[in-house]
Structure formats: C-alpha cells, structure tokens
C-alpha cells in the first residue's frame, strides 16, 4: 500500500502512538517535546517517530506511521533550528490529536473523543487548542484515561 505523506508529528508514550496534526506554527513540535519530556520524567518510555512530516499506512486494521527517510531523527525547535533527536522507525497510531483554533472546540462535547477513518482504519480523534501546550497535555491525558483505563498515566 502506498504511504500518505502528511503534515503532522508522531510519537510513542508508553505503549501508545500519538499522531498530532495541525497547521504550521500551531505548536505540534512544542507539544510533542513537552509530552516526551513529561513521560520520561515519570520513568516511562517515550520516543519521537516523526516531526513535521509523517508517512501513514493502513495495514491489517492498524494505522502505522513512520518518518520520511530525509527527516529521520530530526526535530524543529522554533528559535533554535533543526536538532538531532532519538527516534523510532515506526509506530501504530492509537490516538489522533488535531490542533485547531480554540473557538472551534466544543466546551462540553457529548463524547470526549470522536472517531475518524484514516486509510480505512478507525481511530479515536481528539481536538485540542493550538498553541496551548498546557491545555492540550491536559486533554490528551484525560483522553488516554478515557480510552485506555488500564494504562498508567504516562505524562
């Protein structure tokens, strides 16, 4: 199957893959870095898969992500530049996070997570405010608790 190259970040915390989508400058890299550091500081496994561009494949009912070869192990740190970062060569996506304008978010949604079909695979979808790392981390933490109640709090 041909991979879709999308504008997003992907990381793994504990055993869960997280795909973070958003426009340029919406805070994808800062959110990714914050989650990675928070998980590691709590003694959990956390690793970058891809920053800025992600190749997605839908195989065997799983949404799989990997970095484009040219971007392997690279992460943008706004104001510093491109830095080297340890990375995983691939991951299964368990949650999609869309960073969007705060006005587009429901204050009290009926369901904390929606669903989206990507390449034939149905995934939980969480919408978070762009450029608000604190609120996004909080929402992602609650989504993980809701979706994966037997998992530890990774961050």
Protein backbone atom coordinates (compact mmCIF):
# COMPACT_ATOMS: atom_id res chain seq x y z
CA UNK A 1 0.00 0.00 0.00
CA UNK A 2 1.27 3.48 -0.82
CA UNK A 3 2.06 5.69 2.17
CA UNK A 4 0.33 9.03 2.64
CA UNK A 5 2.78 11.83 3.48
CA UNK A 6 1.01 14.25 5.84
CA UNK A 7 1.92 17.37 7.81
CA UNK A 8 1.99 16.05 11.39
CA UNK A 9 4.11 14.76 14.26
CA UNK A 10 4.11 11.25 15.68
CA UNK A 11 5.43 9.99 19.00
CA UNK A 12 5.09 6.99 21.28
CA UNK A 13 4.49 7.27 25.01
CA UNK A 14 4.49 4.01 26.93
CA UNK A 15 2.76 1.67 24.51
CA UNK A 16 0.58 4.24 22.74
CA UNK A 17 1.22 6.02 19.45
CA UNK A 18 0.06 9.60 19.14
CA UNK A 19 -0.39 11.44 15.83
CA UNK A 20 -0.52 15.23 16.21
CA UNK A 21 -1.88 17.18 13.25
CA UNK A 22 -2.03 20.94 12.85
CA UNK A 23 -1.08 23.80 10.60
CA UNK A 24 2.44 25.21 10.57
CA UNK A 25 3.12 27.13 13.78
CA UNK A 26 0.23 25.52 15.69
CA UNK A 27 2.54 24.02 18.33
CA UNK A 28 2.97 20.40 17.17
CA UNK A 29 6.67 20.21 17.94
CA UNK A 30 6.40 22.00 21.29
CA UNK A 31 3.52 19.74 22.34
CA UNK A 32 5.43 16.64 21.21
CA UNK A 33 8.59 17.67 23.06
CA UNK A 34 6.62 18.53 26.21
CA UNK A 35 4.83 15.16 26.23
CA UNK A 36 8.08 13.27 25.58
CA UNK A 37 9.87 15.03 28.44
CA UNK A 38 6.92 14.65 30.83
CA UNK A 39 6.65 10.90 30.16
CA UNK A 40 10.40 10.36 30.56
CA UNK A 41 10.46 12.37 33.79
CA UNK A 42 7.84 9.94 35.18
CA UNK A 43 10.01 6.97 34.20
CA UNK A 44 8.01 5.93 31.14
CA UNK A 45 9.23 5.11 27.67
CA UNK A 46 8.76 7.97 25.23
CA UNK A 47 10.18 8.47 21.75
CA UNK A 48 9.73 10.62 18.69
CA UNK A 49 8.74 8.88 15.48
CA UNK A 50 8.49 11.87 13.16
CA UNK A 51 8.43 15.67 13.30
CA UNK A 52 6.69 17.83 10.68
CA UNK A 53 6.02 15.08 8.13
CA UNK A 54 4.67 11.57 8.73
CA UNK A 55 4.17 8.68 6.34
CA UNK A 56 0.95 6.79 7.12
CA UNK A 57 -0.13 3.32 6.04
CA UNK A 58 -3.35 1.49 6.87
CA UNK A 59 -2.46 -2.18 7.18
CA UNK A 60 -4.27 -5.07 8.86
CA UNK A 61 -6.69 -2.74 10.60
CA UNK A 62 -3.89 -0.65 12.09
CA UNK A 63 -2.79 2.88 11.28
CA UNK A 64 1.01 2.79 11.03
CA UNK A 65 3.32 5.81 10.99
CA UNK A 66 6.96 6.31 10.07
CA UNK A 67 9.22 9.26 9.30
CA UNK A 68 10.26 10.14 5.77
CA UNK A 69 13.89 8.98 5.39
CA UNK A 70 15.17 12.54 4.91
CA UNK A 71 13.69 13.64 8.28
CA UNK A 72 14.61 10.62 10.43
CA UNK A 73 15.82 11.74 13.85
CA UNK A 74 15.27 15.45 13.21
CA UNK A 75 13.05 17.83 15.20
CA UNK A 76 12.38 21.53 14.81
CA UNK A 77 12.94 23.66 17.89
CA UNK A 78 11.49 27.03 16.93
CA UNK A 79 14.04 29.75 17.64
CA UNK A 80 16.91 27.23 17.69
CA UNK A 81 16.61 25.34 14.43
CA UNK A 82 16.67 21.68 13.47
CA UNK A 83 18.13 19.39 16.14
CA UNK A 84 19.01 15.72 16.28
CA UNK A 85 16.61 13.56 18.29
CA UNK A 86 16.41 9.87 19.01
CA UNK A 87 13.54 8.29 17.11
CA UNK A 88 11.60 5.10 16.48
CA UNK A 89 11.43 3.93 12.86
CA UNK A 90 7.66 3.25 13.08
CA UNK A 91 4.66 3.10 15.38
CA UNK A 92 1.00 2.20 15.50
CA UNK A 93 -1.25 5.23 15.96
CA UNK A 94 -3.70 4.87 18.89
CA UNK A 95 -4.91 8.48 19.10
CA UNK A 96 -5.09 11.34 16.61
CA UNK A 97 -4.86 14.86 18.02
CA UNK A 98 -5.96 17.77 15.85
CA UNK A 99 -4.68 21.18 16.94
CA UNK A 100 -7.28 23.77 16.00
CA UNK A 101 -8.48 27.24 16.92
CA UNK A 102 -9.96 27.44 20.41
CA UNK A 103 -13.23 28.82 19.00
CA UNK A 104 -13.72 25.57 17.06
CA UNK A 105 -13.69 23.45 20.23
CA UNK A 106 -16.85 22.37 21.99
CA UNK A 107 -16.86 23.35 25.64
CA UNK A 108 -18.87 20.30 26.76
CA UNK A 109 -18.80 17.68 24.00
CA UNK A 110 -21.08 14.66 24.30
CA UNK A 111 -18.10 12.38 23.75
CA UNK A 112 -14.55 13.28 24.81
CA UNK A 113 -13.18 11.68 21.64
CA UNK A 114 -14.69 11.40 18.20
CA UNK A 115 -13.64 8.85 15.60
CA UNK A 116 -12.00 9.36 12.24
CA UNK A 117 -11.32 6.87 9.48
CA UNK A 118 -7.83 7.26 8.04
CA UNK A 119 -6.75 4.93 5.24
CA UNK A 120 -9.57 2.56 6.17
CA UNK A 121 -8.66 2.46 9.88
CA UNK A 122 -10.98 3.93 12.51
CA UNK A 123 -9.05 5.89 15.17
CA UNK A 124 -10.03 7.97 18.19
CA UNK A 125 -9.79 11.69 17.44
CA UNK A 126 -9.26 14.46 20.00
CA UNK A 127 -9.38 18.15 19.18
CA UNK A 128 -7.09 20.41 21.22
CA UNK A 129 -6.40 24.14 21.18
CA UNK A 130 -3.47 25.13 19.00
CA UNK A 131 -0.58 26.94 20.67
CA UNK A 132 -1.81 25.97 24.16
CA UNK A 133 0.51 23.19 25.27
CA UNK A 134 -0.73 23.09 28.86
CA UNK A 135 -4.40 22.64 27.89
CA UNK A 136 -3.52 20.14 25.15
CA UNK A 137 -1.44 17.97 27.50
CA UNK A 138 -4.31 18.00 29.98
CA UNK A 139 -6.86 16.99 27.32
CA UNK A 140 -4.62 14.24 25.93
CA UNK A 141 -4.03 12.88 29.44
CA UNK A 142 -7.80 12.72 30.01
CA UNK A 143 -8.36 11.11 26.61
CA UNK A 144 -5.81 8.41 27.43
CA UNK A 145 -7.55 7.80 30.77
CA UNK A 146 -10.91 7.51 29.00
CA UNK A 147 -9.70 5.33 26.12
CA UNK A 148 -7.11 3.19 27.93
CA UNK A 149 -8.24 2.99 31.54
CA UNK A 150 -5.83 0.14 32.34
CA UNK A 151 -2.78 2.11 31.19
CA UNK A 152 -0.69 4.14 33.59
CA UNK A 153 -0.68 7.93 33.42
CA UNK A 154 2.27 8.29 31.09
CA UNK A 155 2.60 12.06 31.48
